[in-house]
N, C-alpha and C. Protein backbone atom coordinates (compact mmCIF):
# COMPACT_ATOMS: atom_id res chain seq x y z
N MET A 1 -13.50 5.22 -3.78
CA MET A 1 -12.90 4.23 -3.00
C MET A 1 -12.32 2.97 -3.57
N VAL A 2 -11.09 2.51 -3.54
CA VAL A 2 -10.68 1.38 -4.31
C VAL A 2 -11.09 0.04 -3.58
N THR A 3 -11.54 -0.81 -4.53
CA THR A 3 -12.02 -1.95 -4.10
C THR A 3 -11.01 -3.23 -3.76
N PRO A 4 -11.06 -3.52 -2.61
CA PRO A 4 -10.04 -4.90 -2.14
C PRO A 4 -10.04 -5.84 -2.94
N LEU A 5 -9.11 -6.70 -3.24
CA LEU A 5 -8.96 -7.74 -4.10
C LEU A 5 -10.23 -8.84 -3.71
N ALA A 6 -10.92 -9.32 -4.48
CA ALA A 6 -12.06 -10.45 -4.09
C ALA A 6 -11.37 -11.57 -3.50
N THR A 7 -10.28 -11.97 -4.01
CA THR A 7 -9.63 -13.21 -3.73
C THR A 7 -8.02 -12.89 -3.11
N PRO A 8 -7.93 -13.13 -1.66
CA PRO A 8 -6.80 -12.66 -1.05
C PRO A 8 -5.64 -13.24 -1.78
N ASP A 9 -4.54 -12.59 -1.87
CA ASP A 9 -3.29 -13.03 -2.37
C ASP A 9 -2.08 -12.93 -1.18
N PRO A 10 -1.63 -14.22 -0.60
CA PRO A 10 -0.73 -13.75 0.70
C PRO A 10 0.63 -14.08 0.26
N ARG A 11 1.03 -13.56 -0.97
CA ARG A 11 2.24 -13.72 -1.31
C ARG A 11 3.28 -12.85 -0.70
N LEU A 12 2.93 -11.44 -0.34
CA LEU A 12 3.61 -10.34 0.37
C LEU A 12 3.74 -10.63 1.66
N LEU A 13 2.61 -11.12 2.02
CA LEU A 13 2.50 -11.57 3.47
C LEU A 13 3.54 -12.51 4.11
N ARG A 14 3.54 -13.69 3.22
CA ARG A 14 4.44 -14.69 3.34
C ARG A 14 5.82 -14.26 3.34
N ARG A 15 6.41 -12.94 2.75
CA ARG A 15 7.63 -12.76 2.80
C ARG A 15 8.08 -11.68 4.20
N LEU A 16 6.94 -11.64 5.02
CA LEU A 16 7.10 -11.01 6.00
C LEU A 16 7.98 -12.09 7.09
N ASP A 17 8.49 -11.64 8.10
CA ASP A 17 9.29 -12.24 9.37
C ASP A 17 8.03 -13.06 9.97
N PRO A 18 8.36 -14.47 10.32
CA PRO A 18 7.19 -15.13 11.15
C PRO A 18 6.49 -14.69 12.08
N GLN A 19 7.08 -13.58 12.91
CA GLN A 19 6.52 -13.06 13.97
C GLN A 19 5.64 -11.97 13.24
N LEU A 20 5.85 -11.40 12.43
CA LEU A 20 4.98 -10.34 11.71
C LEU A 20 3.72 -11.24 11.26
N GLN A 21 4.09 -12.33 10.63
CA GLN A 21 3.04 -13.09 9.92
C GLN A 21 2.09 -13.62 10.95
N GLU A 22 2.38 -13.91 12.24
CA GLU A 22 1.78 -14.35 13.50
C GLU A 22 0.97 -13.23 13.83
N PHE A 23 1.47 -11.99 13.99
CA PHE A 23 0.64 -10.82 14.50
C PHE A 23 -0.43 -10.51 13.40
N ALA A 24 -0.24 -10.88 12.02
CA ALA A 24 -1.38 -10.55 11.08
C ALA A 24 -2.44 -11.37 11.30
N ALA A 25 -1.98 -12.86 11.54
CA ALA A 25 -2.74 -13.78 11.86
C ALA A 25 -3.74 -13.58 13.13
N ASP A 26 -3.31 -12.88 14.15
CA ASP A 26 -3.99 -12.48 15.22
C ASP A 26 -4.93 -11.33 14.86
N ASN A 27 -4.52 -10.51 14.07
CA ASN A 27 -5.44 -9.30 13.64
C ASN A 27 -5.87 -9.50 12.24
N ARG A 28 -7.00 -9.96 12.27
CA ARG A 28 -7.59 -10.34 10.91
C ARG A 28 -7.82 -9.05 9.76
N GLU A 29 -8.07 -7.85 10.49
CA GLU A 29 -7.86 -6.66 9.36
C GLU A 29 -6.54 -6.40 9.01
N ILE A 30 -5.61 -6.46 9.85
CA ILE A 30 -4.18 -6.28 9.21
C ILE A 30 -3.99 -7.32 8.00
N GLU A 31 -4.27 -8.61 8.15
CA GLU A 31 -4.07 -9.78 7.30
C GLU A 31 -4.80 -9.24 6.00
N GLU A 32 -5.86 -8.82 6.19
CA GLU A 32 -6.77 -8.52 4.97
C GLU A 32 -6.42 -7.42 4.11
N ILE A 33 -5.56 -6.36 4.87
CA ILE A 33 -5.10 -5.19 4.13
C ILE A 33 -3.89 -5.77 3.58
N PHE A 34 -3.17 -6.62 4.02
CA PHE A 34 -1.88 -7.03 3.34
C PHE A 34 -2.16 -8.07 2.13
N THR A 35 -3.29 -8.60 2.22
CA THR A 35 -3.36 -9.82 1.10
C THR A 35 -4.53 -9.30 0.22
N ARG A 36 -5.30 -8.18 0.48
CA ARG A 36 -6.19 -7.81 -0.59
C ARG A 36 -5.91 -6.43 -1.14
N GLU A 37 -5.19 -5.57 -0.33
CA GLU A 37 -5.23 -4.18 -0.51
C GLU A 37 -3.53 -3.93 -0.96
N ILE A 38 -2.70 -4.21 -0.07
CA ILE A 38 -1.24 -3.94 -0.25
C ILE A 38 -0.73 -4.75 -1.73
N VAL A 39 -1.25 -5.96 -1.79
CA VAL A 39 -0.91 -6.65 -3.26
C VAL A 39 -1.49 -5.98 -4.35
N ARG A 40 -2.70 -5.50 -4.15
CA ARG A 40 -3.45 -4.76 -5.04
C ARG A 40 -2.69 -3.43 -5.60
N ASP A 41 -2.14 -2.63 -4.59
CA ASP A 41 -1.43 -1.26 -4.92
C ASP A 41 -0.28 -1.65 -5.50
N VAL A 42 0.67 -2.81 -5.05
CA VAL A 42 1.76 -3.26 -5.49
C VAL A 42 2.00 -3.44 -7.04
N ASP A 43 0.80 -4.05 -7.12
CA ASP A 43 0.57 -4.78 -8.89
C ASP A 43 0.00 -3.74 -9.58
N ALA A 44 -0.45 -2.60 -9.20
CA ALA A 44 -1.14 -1.55 -9.92
C ALA A 44 -0.02 -0.28 -9.87
N LYS A 45 1.15 -0.60 -9.05
CA LYS A 45 2.19 0.22 -9.13
C LYS A 45 1.68 1.68 -8.51
N VAL A 46 0.69 1.50 -7.88
CA VAL A 46 0.30 2.71 -7.11
C VAL A 46 1.24 2.61 -5.83
N LEU A 47 1.51 1.58 -5.16
CA LEU A 47 2.67 1.55 -4.00
C LEU A 47 3.99 1.03 -4.38
N ASP A 48 4.67 1.98 -4.36
CA ASP A 48 6.30 1.75 -4.58
C ASP A 48 6.92 2.08 -3.20
N ILE A 49 7.45 0.75 -2.41
CA ILE A 49 7.92 1.22 -1.31
C ILE A 49 9.26 2.09 -1.47
N SER A 50 10.06 1.60 -2.03
CA SER A 50 11.37 2.23 -2.50
C SER A 50 11.03 4.06 -2.73
N ARG A 51 10.05 4.32 -3.31
CA ARG A 51 9.89 5.59 -3.73
C ARG A 51 9.44 6.24 -2.64
N LEU A 52 8.19 5.64 -1.58
CA LEU A 52 7.88 6.25 -0.61
C LEU A 52 8.94 6.44 0.28
N PHE A 53 10.23 5.31 0.25
CA PHE A 53 11.08 5.76 1.42
C PHE A 53 12.03 6.81 0.95
N GLU A 54 11.96 7.18 -0.34
CA GLU A 54 12.74 8.23 -0.94
C GLU A 54 12.15 9.64 -0.55
N LYS A 55 10.97 9.87 -0.81
CA LYS A 55 10.29 11.11 -0.54
C LYS A 55 8.69 10.89 -0.21
N GLY A 56 8.37 11.14 0.85
CA GLY A 56 7.00 10.96 1.00
C GLY A 56 6.51 11.26 2.51
N SER A 57 5.09 11.37 2.74
CA SER A 57 4.59 11.73 4.04
C SER A 57 3.21 11.07 4.42
N LEU A 58 3.20 11.00 5.37
CA LEU A 58 1.91 10.19 5.96
C LEU A 58 1.53 10.66 7.51
N GLN A 59 0.35 11.13 7.24
CA GLN A 59 -0.01 11.69 8.97
C GLN A 59 -1.46 11.17 9.19
N VAL A 60 -1.51 10.24 10.39
CA VAL A 60 -2.67 9.72 10.71
C VAL A 60 -3.03 10.54 11.99
N GLY A 61 -4.25 11.00 12.14
CA GLY A 61 -4.54 11.85 13.61
C GLY A 61 -6.01 11.43 14.04
N PHE A 62 -6.29 11.49 15.26
CA PHE A 62 -7.52 10.98 16.05
C PHE A 62 -7.71 11.97 17.13
N GLU A 63 -9.26 11.90 17.62
CA GLU A 63 -9.26 12.59 18.58
C GLU A 63 -9.49 11.42 19.94
N THR A 64 -9.44 11.77 21.23
CA THR A 64 -9.58 10.69 22.27
C THR A 64 -10.62 11.04 23.22
N ASP A 65 -11.06 10.04 23.62
CA ASP A 65 -12.08 10.35 24.94
C ASP A 65 -11.41 10.38 26.03
N ALA A 66 -12.29 10.50 27.34
CA ALA A 66 -11.58 10.68 28.39
C ALA A 66 -10.83 9.68 29.05
N MET A 67 -10.91 8.74 28.29
CA MET A 67 -9.86 7.66 28.74
C MET A 67 -8.55 7.48 27.99
N GLY A 68 -8.53 8.24 26.81
CA GLY A 68 -7.59 8.14 25.93
C GLY A 68 -7.65 7.40 24.83
N SER A 69 -8.96 6.77 24.82
CA SER A 69 -9.08 5.73 23.49
C SER A 69 -9.32 6.84 22.20
N PRO A 70 -8.81 5.96 21.12
CA PRO A 70 -8.95 7.04 19.90
C PRO A 70 -10.52 6.87 19.26
N VAL A 71 -10.84 7.94 19.01
CA VAL A 71 -12.03 8.04 18.32
C VAL A 71 -11.89 9.12 17.18
N ARG A 72 -12.84 8.95 16.01
CA ARG A 72 -12.64 9.64 14.81
C ARG A 72 -11.31 9.76 13.91
N SER A 73 -10.58 8.63 13.96
CA SER A 73 -9.23 8.65 13.38
C SER A 73 -9.59 8.77 12.01
N ARG A 74 -8.40 9.71 11.25
CA ARG A 74 -8.41 9.85 9.84
C ARG A 74 -7.20 10.18 9.40
N ILE A 75 -6.94 9.89 8.13
CA ILE A 75 -5.55 10.15 7.51
C ILE A 75 -5.73 11.88 7.22
N GLU A 76 -4.75 12.67 7.97
CA GLU A 76 -4.74 13.98 7.57
C GLU A 76 -3.82 14.41 6.55
N VAL A 77 -2.66 13.25 6.23
CA VAL A 77 -1.76 13.84 5.10
C VAL A 77 -1.67 12.46 4.43
N SER A 78 -2.28 11.96 3.37
CA SER A 78 -2.15 10.62 2.86
C SER A 78 -0.71 10.22 2.13
N SER A 79 -0.34 9.05 2.32
CA SER A 79 0.68 8.63 1.69
C SER A 79 0.56 8.36 0.17
N GLY A 80 -0.36 8.59 -0.70
CA GLY A 80 -0.62 8.50 -1.72
C GLY A 80 -1.03 6.72 -2.26
N ALA A 81 -0.88 6.08 -1.45
CA ALA A 81 -1.19 4.69 -1.70
C ALA A 81 -2.41 4.17 -0.50
N PRO A 82 -3.78 4.12 -1.01
CA PRO A 82 -4.87 3.79 -0.26
C PRO A 82 -4.47 2.54 0.75
N SER A 83 -3.73 1.56 0.55
CA SER A 83 -3.52 0.36 1.29
C SER A 83 -2.76 0.75 2.62
N ILE A 84 -1.53 1.64 2.42
CA ILE A 84 -0.99 2.05 3.29
C ILE A 84 -1.64 3.10 4.43
N ASP A 85 -2.43 3.88 3.61
CA ASP A 85 -3.47 4.63 4.48
C ASP A 85 -4.35 3.90 5.40
N HIS A 86 -4.91 2.79 4.92
CA HIS A 86 -5.80 1.92 5.64
C HIS A 86 -5.05 1.16 6.61
N LEU A 87 -3.81 1.11 6.50
CA LEU A 87 -3.06 0.25 7.43
C LEU A 87 -2.90 1.11 8.64
N ALA A 88 -2.48 2.29 8.19
CA ALA A 88 -2.37 3.18 9.44
C ALA A 88 -3.28 3.39 10.26
N LEU A 89 -4.61 3.70 9.40
CA LEU A 89 -5.76 3.73 10.54
C LEU A 89 -6.09 2.56 11.29
N GLU A 90 -5.89 1.15 10.60
CA GLU A 90 -6.06 -0.03 11.44
C GLU A 90 -5.28 -0.15 12.55
N ILE A 91 -3.92 0.29 12.50
CA ILE A 91 -3.06 0.32 13.54
C ILE A 91 -3.42 1.00 14.73
N VAL A 92 -3.82 2.25 14.41
CA VAL A 92 -4.63 3.21 15.47
C VAL A 92 -5.64 2.45 16.21
N ARG A 93 -6.36 1.65 15.41
CA ARG A 93 -7.79 0.70 16.07
C ARG A 93 -6.82 -0.09 16.95
N LEU A 94 -5.78 -0.79 16.94
CA LEU A 94 -5.20 -1.51 17.91
C LEU A 94 -4.78 -1.13 18.90
N VAL A 95 -4.88 0.44 19.37
CA VAL A 95 -4.30 1.03 20.46
C VAL A 95 -5.43 0.34 21.53
N GLU A 96 -6.65 0.17 21.21
CA GLU A 96 -7.87 -0.17 21.91
C GLU A 96 -7.59 -1.54 22.52
N LYS A 97 -7.46 -2.27 21.21
CA LYS A 97 -7.18 -4.01 21.46
C LYS A 97 -6.00 -4.27 22.52
N TYR A 98 -5.00 -3.61 22.36
CA TYR A 98 -3.79 -3.86 23.10
C TYR A 98 -3.62 -3.05 24.35
N ARG A 99 -4.95 -2.14 24.81
CA ARG A 99 -4.80 -1.61 25.86
C ARG A 99 -3.73 -0.48 26.26
N LEU A 100 -3.60 0.21 25.27
CA LEU A 100 -2.80 1.30 25.13
C LEU A 100 -3.12 2.79 25.31
N ALA A 101 -4.55 2.74 25.26
CA ALA A 101 -5.20 3.97 25.41
C ALA A 101 -4.67 4.83 26.62
N TRP A 102 -4.34 4.21 27.60
CA TRP A 102 -3.83 5.09 28.97
C TRP A 102 -2.99 6.15 28.48
N VAL A 103 -1.83 5.71 27.54
CA VAL A 103 -0.64 6.60 27.02
C VAL A 103 -1.42 7.89 26.75
N PHE A 104 -2.55 7.99 26.02
CA PHE A 104 -3.07 9.13 25.43
C PHE A 104 -4.10 9.92 26.24
N ARG A 105 -4.29 9.54 27.62
CA ARG A 105 -5.06 10.17 28.35
C ARG A 105 -4.77 11.57 28.69
N GLY A 106 -5.47 12.36 28.55
CA GLY A 106 -5.16 13.86 29.10
C GLY A 106 -5.09 14.42 27.66
N PHE A 107 -5.08 14.05 26.51
CA PHE A 107 -4.99 14.57 25.36
C PHE A 107 -6.32 14.79 24.64
N SER A 108 -6.58 15.79 23.63
CA SER A 108 -7.97 15.63 22.85
C SER A 108 -7.80 15.61 21.47
N HIS A 109 -6.36 15.50 21.07
CA HIS A 109 -6.11 15.17 19.67
C HIS A 109 -4.87 14.82 19.63
N VAL A 110 -4.42 13.60 18.69
CA VAL A 110 -3.03 13.13 18.42
C VAL A 110 -2.95 13.01 16.92
N ALA A 111 -1.84 13.45 16.55
CA ALA A 111 -1.33 13.18 15.12
C ALA A 111 -0.11 12.76 15.11
N LEU A 112 0.36 11.82 14.23
CA LEU A 112 1.41 11.17 13.77
C LEU A 112 1.83 11.34 12.65
N LEU A 113 2.96 11.88 12.31
CA LEU A 113 3.31 12.30 11.09
C LEU A 113 4.81 11.68 10.67
N ILE A 114 5.00 10.91 9.74
CA ILE A 114 5.98 10.08 9.17
C ILE A 114 6.66 10.76 7.83
N ARG A 115 7.43 11.29 7.80
CA ARG A 115 8.09 12.32 6.46
C ARG A 115 9.36 11.80 6.07
N THR A 116 9.57 11.37 4.78
CA THR A 116 10.84 10.84 4.53
C THR A 116 11.23 11.87 3.45
N GLY A 117 12.58 12.04 3.24
CA GLY A 117 13.29 12.87 2.51
C GLY A 117 14.80 12.52 2.60
N GLU A 118 15.74 13.24 2.87
CA GLU A 118 17.14 12.97 3.09
C GLU A 118 17.08 12.13 4.06
N ASP A 119 16.51 12.57 5.34
CA ASP A 119 16.37 11.65 6.53
C ASP A 119 14.81 11.25 6.84
N VAL A 120 14.67 10.59 7.56
CA VAL A 120 13.00 10.13 8.13
C VAL A 120 12.82 10.97 9.40
N GLU A 121 11.71 11.63 9.24
CA GLU A 121 11.16 12.23 10.49
C GLU A 121 9.95 11.82 10.96
N LEU A 122 10.03 11.56 12.18
CA LEU A 122 8.83 11.00 13.05
C LEU A 122 8.24 12.12 13.91
N LYS A 123 7.07 12.45 13.92
CA LYS A 123 6.84 13.45 14.98
C LYS A 123 5.36 13.11 15.53
N LEU A 124 5.12 13.22 16.72
CA LEU A 124 3.74 12.73 17.58
C LEU A 124 3.39 14.01 18.05
N THR A 125 2.47 14.75 17.84
CA THR A 125 2.07 15.85 18.41
C THR A 125 0.81 15.54 19.18
N CYS A 126 0.73 16.05 20.26
CA CYS A 126 -0.35 15.61 21.16
C CYS A 126 -0.94 17.01 21.70
N THR A 127 -2.25 17.39 21.48
CA THR A 127 -2.83 18.55 21.93
C THR A 127 -3.58 18.20 23.32
N LEU A 128 -3.41 19.15 24.28
CA LEU A 128 -3.74 18.73 25.76
C LEU A 128 -5.20 19.10 25.84
N ARG A 129 -5.85 18.19 26.64
CA ARG A 129 -7.18 18.54 26.91
C ARG A 129 -7.26 19.78 27.94
N ASP A 130 -6.40 19.68 28.99
CA ASP A 130 -6.34 20.62 30.17
C ASP A 130 -4.97 21.26 30.02
N LYS A 131 -4.80 22.44 29.61
CA LYS A 131 -3.40 23.01 29.80
C LYS A 131 -2.75 22.92 31.10
N LEU A 132 -3.51 22.84 32.19
CA LEU A 132 -2.96 23.02 33.52
C LEU A 132 -2.22 21.71 33.67
N ALA A 133 -2.72 20.66 33.18
CA ALA A 133 -2.13 19.22 33.41
C ALA A 133 -0.81 18.74 32.65
N LYS A 134 -0.44 19.83 32.30
CA LYS A 134 1.01 19.81 31.19
C LYS A 134 2.20 19.05 32.07
N GLU A 135 2.24 19.39 33.28
CA GLU A 135 3.62 18.84 33.97
C GLU A 135 3.09 17.58 34.22
N ASP A 136 2.11 17.15 34.92
CA ASP A 136 1.80 15.67 35.19
C ASP A 136 1.86 14.78 34.06
N ILE A 137 1.40 15.38 32.55
CA ILE A 137 1.54 14.36 31.74
C ILE A 137 3.05 14.47 31.03
N MET A 138 3.68 15.64 31.17
CA MET A 138 5.00 15.54 30.63
C MET A 138 5.58 14.18 31.39
N LYS A 139 5.77 14.19 32.98
CA LYS A 139 6.05 13.21 33.83
C LYS A 139 5.67 11.79 33.20
N ARG A 140 4.42 11.73 32.86
CA ARG A 140 4.00 10.42 32.73
C ARG A 140 4.54 10.01 31.22
N ILE A 141 4.81 10.79 30.41
CA ILE A 141 5.20 10.63 28.79
C ILE A 141 6.86 10.09 29.31
N GLN A 142 7.37 10.71 30.15
CA GLN A 142 9.11 10.77 30.34
C GLN A 142 9.01 9.36 31.13
N GLY A 143 8.36 9.04 32.07
CA GLY A 143 8.28 7.68 32.66
C GLY A 143 8.09 6.75 31.70
N THR A 144 6.98 6.80 30.92
CA THR A 144 6.86 5.69 29.94
C THR A 144 7.81 5.67 28.98
N LEU A 145 8.54 6.52 28.50
CA LEU A 145 9.39 6.42 27.52
C LEU A 145 10.61 5.70 28.16
N MET A 146 10.96 5.83 29.45
CA MET A 146 11.98 5.26 30.18
C MET A 146 11.74 3.87 30.27
N ILE A 147 10.45 3.59 30.79
CA ILE A 147 9.90 1.95 30.81
C ILE A 147 10.14 1.11 29.33
N VAL A 148 9.50 1.79 28.48
CA VAL A 148 9.74 1.20 27.00
C VAL A 148 11.21 1.09 26.66
N ARG A 149 12.00 1.96 26.82
CA ARG A 149 13.35 1.80 26.69
C ARG A 149 13.86 0.67 27.36
N ILE A 150 13.90 0.55 28.69
CA ILE A 150 14.34 -0.41 29.29
C ILE A 150 13.55 -1.80 28.67
N ALA A 151 12.46 -1.78 28.29
CA ALA A 151 12.00 -3.12 27.97
C ALA A 151 12.52 -3.77 26.45
N ALA A 152 12.83 -2.48 25.66
CA ALA A 152 13.55 -2.85 24.20
C ALA A 152 14.90 -2.80 24.41
N ALA A 153 15.76 -2.69 25.45
CA ALA A 153 16.74 -2.39 25.35
C ALA A 153 17.82 -3.57 24.58
N GLN A 154 17.48 -4.65 24.64
CA GLN A 154 18.08 -5.89 23.99
C GLN A 154 17.34 -6.23 22.40
N SER A 155 16.53 -5.33 22.27
CA SER A 155 15.94 -5.58 20.85
C SER A 155 16.47 -4.80 19.69
N ASP A 156 16.10 -5.34 18.54
CA ASP A 156 16.66 -4.74 17.24
C ASP A 156 16.17 -3.20 17.22
N ALA A 157 15.05 -2.99 17.80
CA ALA A 157 14.32 -1.88 17.80
C ALA A 157 14.93 -0.64 18.85
N ALA A 158 15.92 -0.94 19.76
CA ALA A 158 16.09 -0.08 20.60
C ALA A 158 16.41 1.26 20.14
N PHE A 159 17.24 1.28 18.85
CA PHE A 159 17.73 2.72 18.39
C PHE A 159 16.70 3.64 18.04
N LEU A 160 15.38 3.11 17.73
CA LEU A 160 14.23 3.93 17.45
C LEU A 160 13.97 4.77 18.70
N LEU A 161 14.18 4.39 19.84
CA LEU A 161 13.78 5.02 21.01
C LEU A 161 14.97 6.07 21.67
N GLN A 162 16.00 6.11 21.05
CA GLN A 162 17.05 6.93 21.60
C GLN A 162 16.70 8.49 20.97
N ASP A 163 17.32 9.34 21.64
CA ASP A 163 17.27 10.57 21.12
C ASP A 163 16.04 11.48 20.68
N ILE A 164 15.01 11.13 21.47
CA ILE A 164 13.46 11.63 21.12
C ILE A 164 13.38 12.94 22.07
N ASP A 165 13.31 14.17 21.23
CA ASP A 165 13.09 15.17 21.52
C ASP A 165 11.56 15.30 22.12
N ILE A 166 11.46 15.77 23.31
CA ILE A 166 10.04 16.22 24.05
C ILE A 166 9.98 17.57 24.17
N THR A 167 8.95 18.31 23.48
CA THR A 167 9.19 19.57 23.67
C THR A 167 7.37 20.14 24.04
N ALA A 168 7.19 20.99 24.94
CA ALA A 168 5.98 21.43 25.47
C ALA A 168 5.88 23.00 25.09
N GLU A 169 4.84 23.17 24.14
CA GLU A 169 4.58 24.42 23.67
C GLU A 169 3.20 24.78 24.28
N GLU A 170 2.62 25.74 23.74
CA GLU A 170 1.24 26.23 24.30
C GLU A 170 0.16 25.00 23.86
N GLY A 171 -0.16 24.57 24.87
CA GLY A 171 -1.28 23.41 24.69
C GLY A 171 -1.04 22.24 24.00
N LYS A 172 0.46 21.97 23.60
CA LYS A 172 0.85 20.68 22.99
C LYS A 172 2.07 20.09 23.48
N VAL A 173 2.15 18.82 23.22
CA VAL A 173 3.21 18.09 23.75
C VAL A 173 3.55 17.45 22.46
N THR A 174 4.96 17.55 22.06
CA THR A 174 5.43 17.05 20.93
C THR A 174 6.56 16.06 21.10
N LEU A 175 6.70 14.80 20.37
CA LEU A 175 7.77 13.81 20.64
C LEU A 175 8.10 13.72 19.05
N SER A 176 9.67 14.05 18.93
CA SER A 176 9.98 13.93 17.54
C SER A 176 11.37 13.11 17.48
N ARG A 177 11.63 12.61 16.44
CA ARG A 177 12.79 11.95 16.16
C ARG A 177 13.33 11.85 14.72
N THR A 178 14.67 12.19 14.31
CA THR A 178 14.92 12.15 13.08
C THR A 178 16.07 11.14 12.97
N LEU A 179 15.73 10.28 12.12
CA LEU A 179 16.55 9.09 11.82
C LEU A 179 17.41 9.22 10.51
N SER A 180 18.54 8.53 10.29
CA SER A 180 19.07 8.32 9.09
C SER A 180 18.53 7.25 8.39
N LYS A 181 18.26 7.19 7.15
CA LYS A 181 17.68 6.14 6.34
C LYS A 181 18.54 4.79 6.43
N GLU A 182 19.87 4.82 6.42
CA GLU A 182 20.48 3.52 6.34
C GLU A 182 20.31 2.56 7.29
N PRO A 183 20.33 3.03 8.65
CA PRO A 183 20.14 2.18 9.98
C PRO A 183 18.52 1.75 9.75
N LEU A 184 17.66 2.56 9.55
CA LEU A 184 16.47 2.33 9.35
C LEU A 184 16.04 1.22 8.21
N ALA A 185 16.62 1.23 7.33
CA ALA A 185 16.50 0.39 6.14
C ALA A 185 16.67 -1.11 6.65
N VAL A 186 18.22 -0.97 6.92
CA VAL A 186 18.63 -2.17 7.61
C VAL A 186 17.91 -3.01 8.62
N PHE A 187 17.15 -1.95 9.48
CA PHE A 187 16.30 -2.66 10.47
C PHE A 187 15.13 -3.13 9.90
N LEU A 188 14.56 -2.65 9.09
CA LEU A 188 13.30 -2.69 8.28
C LEU A 188 13.62 -4.21 7.51
N MET A 189 14.78 -4.20 6.90
CA MET A 189 14.66 -5.46 5.89
C MET A 189 14.90 -6.79 6.49
N ARG A 190 15.28 -6.58 8.03
CA ARG A 190 15.25 -7.84 8.81
C ARG A 190 14.05 -8.33 8.84
N TYR A 191 13.06 -7.55 8.52
CA TYR A 191 11.62 -8.26 8.65
C TYR A 191 10.87 -8.48 7.36
N TRP A 192 11.92 -8.71 6.45
CA TRP A 192 11.44 -9.08 5.01
C TRP A 192 12.19 -9.87 4.08
N GLN A 193 11.83 -11.00 3.79
CA GLN A 193 12.52 -12.04 2.98
C GLN A 193 12.67 -11.74 1.36
N SER A 194 13.87 -11.64 0.97
CA SER A 194 13.95 -11.43 -0.54
C SER A 194 13.05 -12.36 -1.29
N GLU A 195 12.90 -13.39 -0.80
CA GLU A 195 11.89 -14.28 -1.64
C GLU A 195 10.92 -14.90 -0.85
N ALA A 196 9.67 -15.18 -1.17
CA ALA A 196 8.81 -15.79 -0.54
C ALA A 196 9.03 -17.28 -0.53
N PRO A 197 9.09 -17.71 1.07
CA PRO A 197 9.26 -19.37 0.99
C PRO A 197 8.25 -20.00 0.31
N GLU A 198 8.73 -21.17 -0.28
CA GLU A 198 7.95 -22.07 -1.07
C GLU A 198 6.98 -22.75 -0.26
């Protein structure tokens, strides 16, 4: 296991959009990952965002309890950068904090895959706890997506919620979205300052 920096270095955190800095300040674990682990991996050249964006994979998975809360979360496909893997696991833990567990009620296992190549592929695969409940769960997913799309309609992130394919196979529901890199890169760069403020 790689040891986090003993002294936090906030230089990369300061380059984030103020709203993201505020989010990190409200979530101490996220702030620690940025200031002690992401900086460490960037300096050691273990983490190269442009290379990850060119070709890479990350899959985080977790089991759920009866209420949909994540349990036993783990990295199923590593990004190759310990800090990014740790950040993904920490984001899963925030599902409980922000009371989003209800979204995963009815599933026994959830896996989110992010794969970059010519395009960016996002795939959320959910294993049903009860195969007979598939129709009800599909309705809940479609209803939730519609609400989220309405809520995000005026935001920069609205394009992320378009053209999501929902498929139901034997015992599984999959949500997938393939994105062109260019609009995604433009979107992400809105939250990153080229120079850290003095």
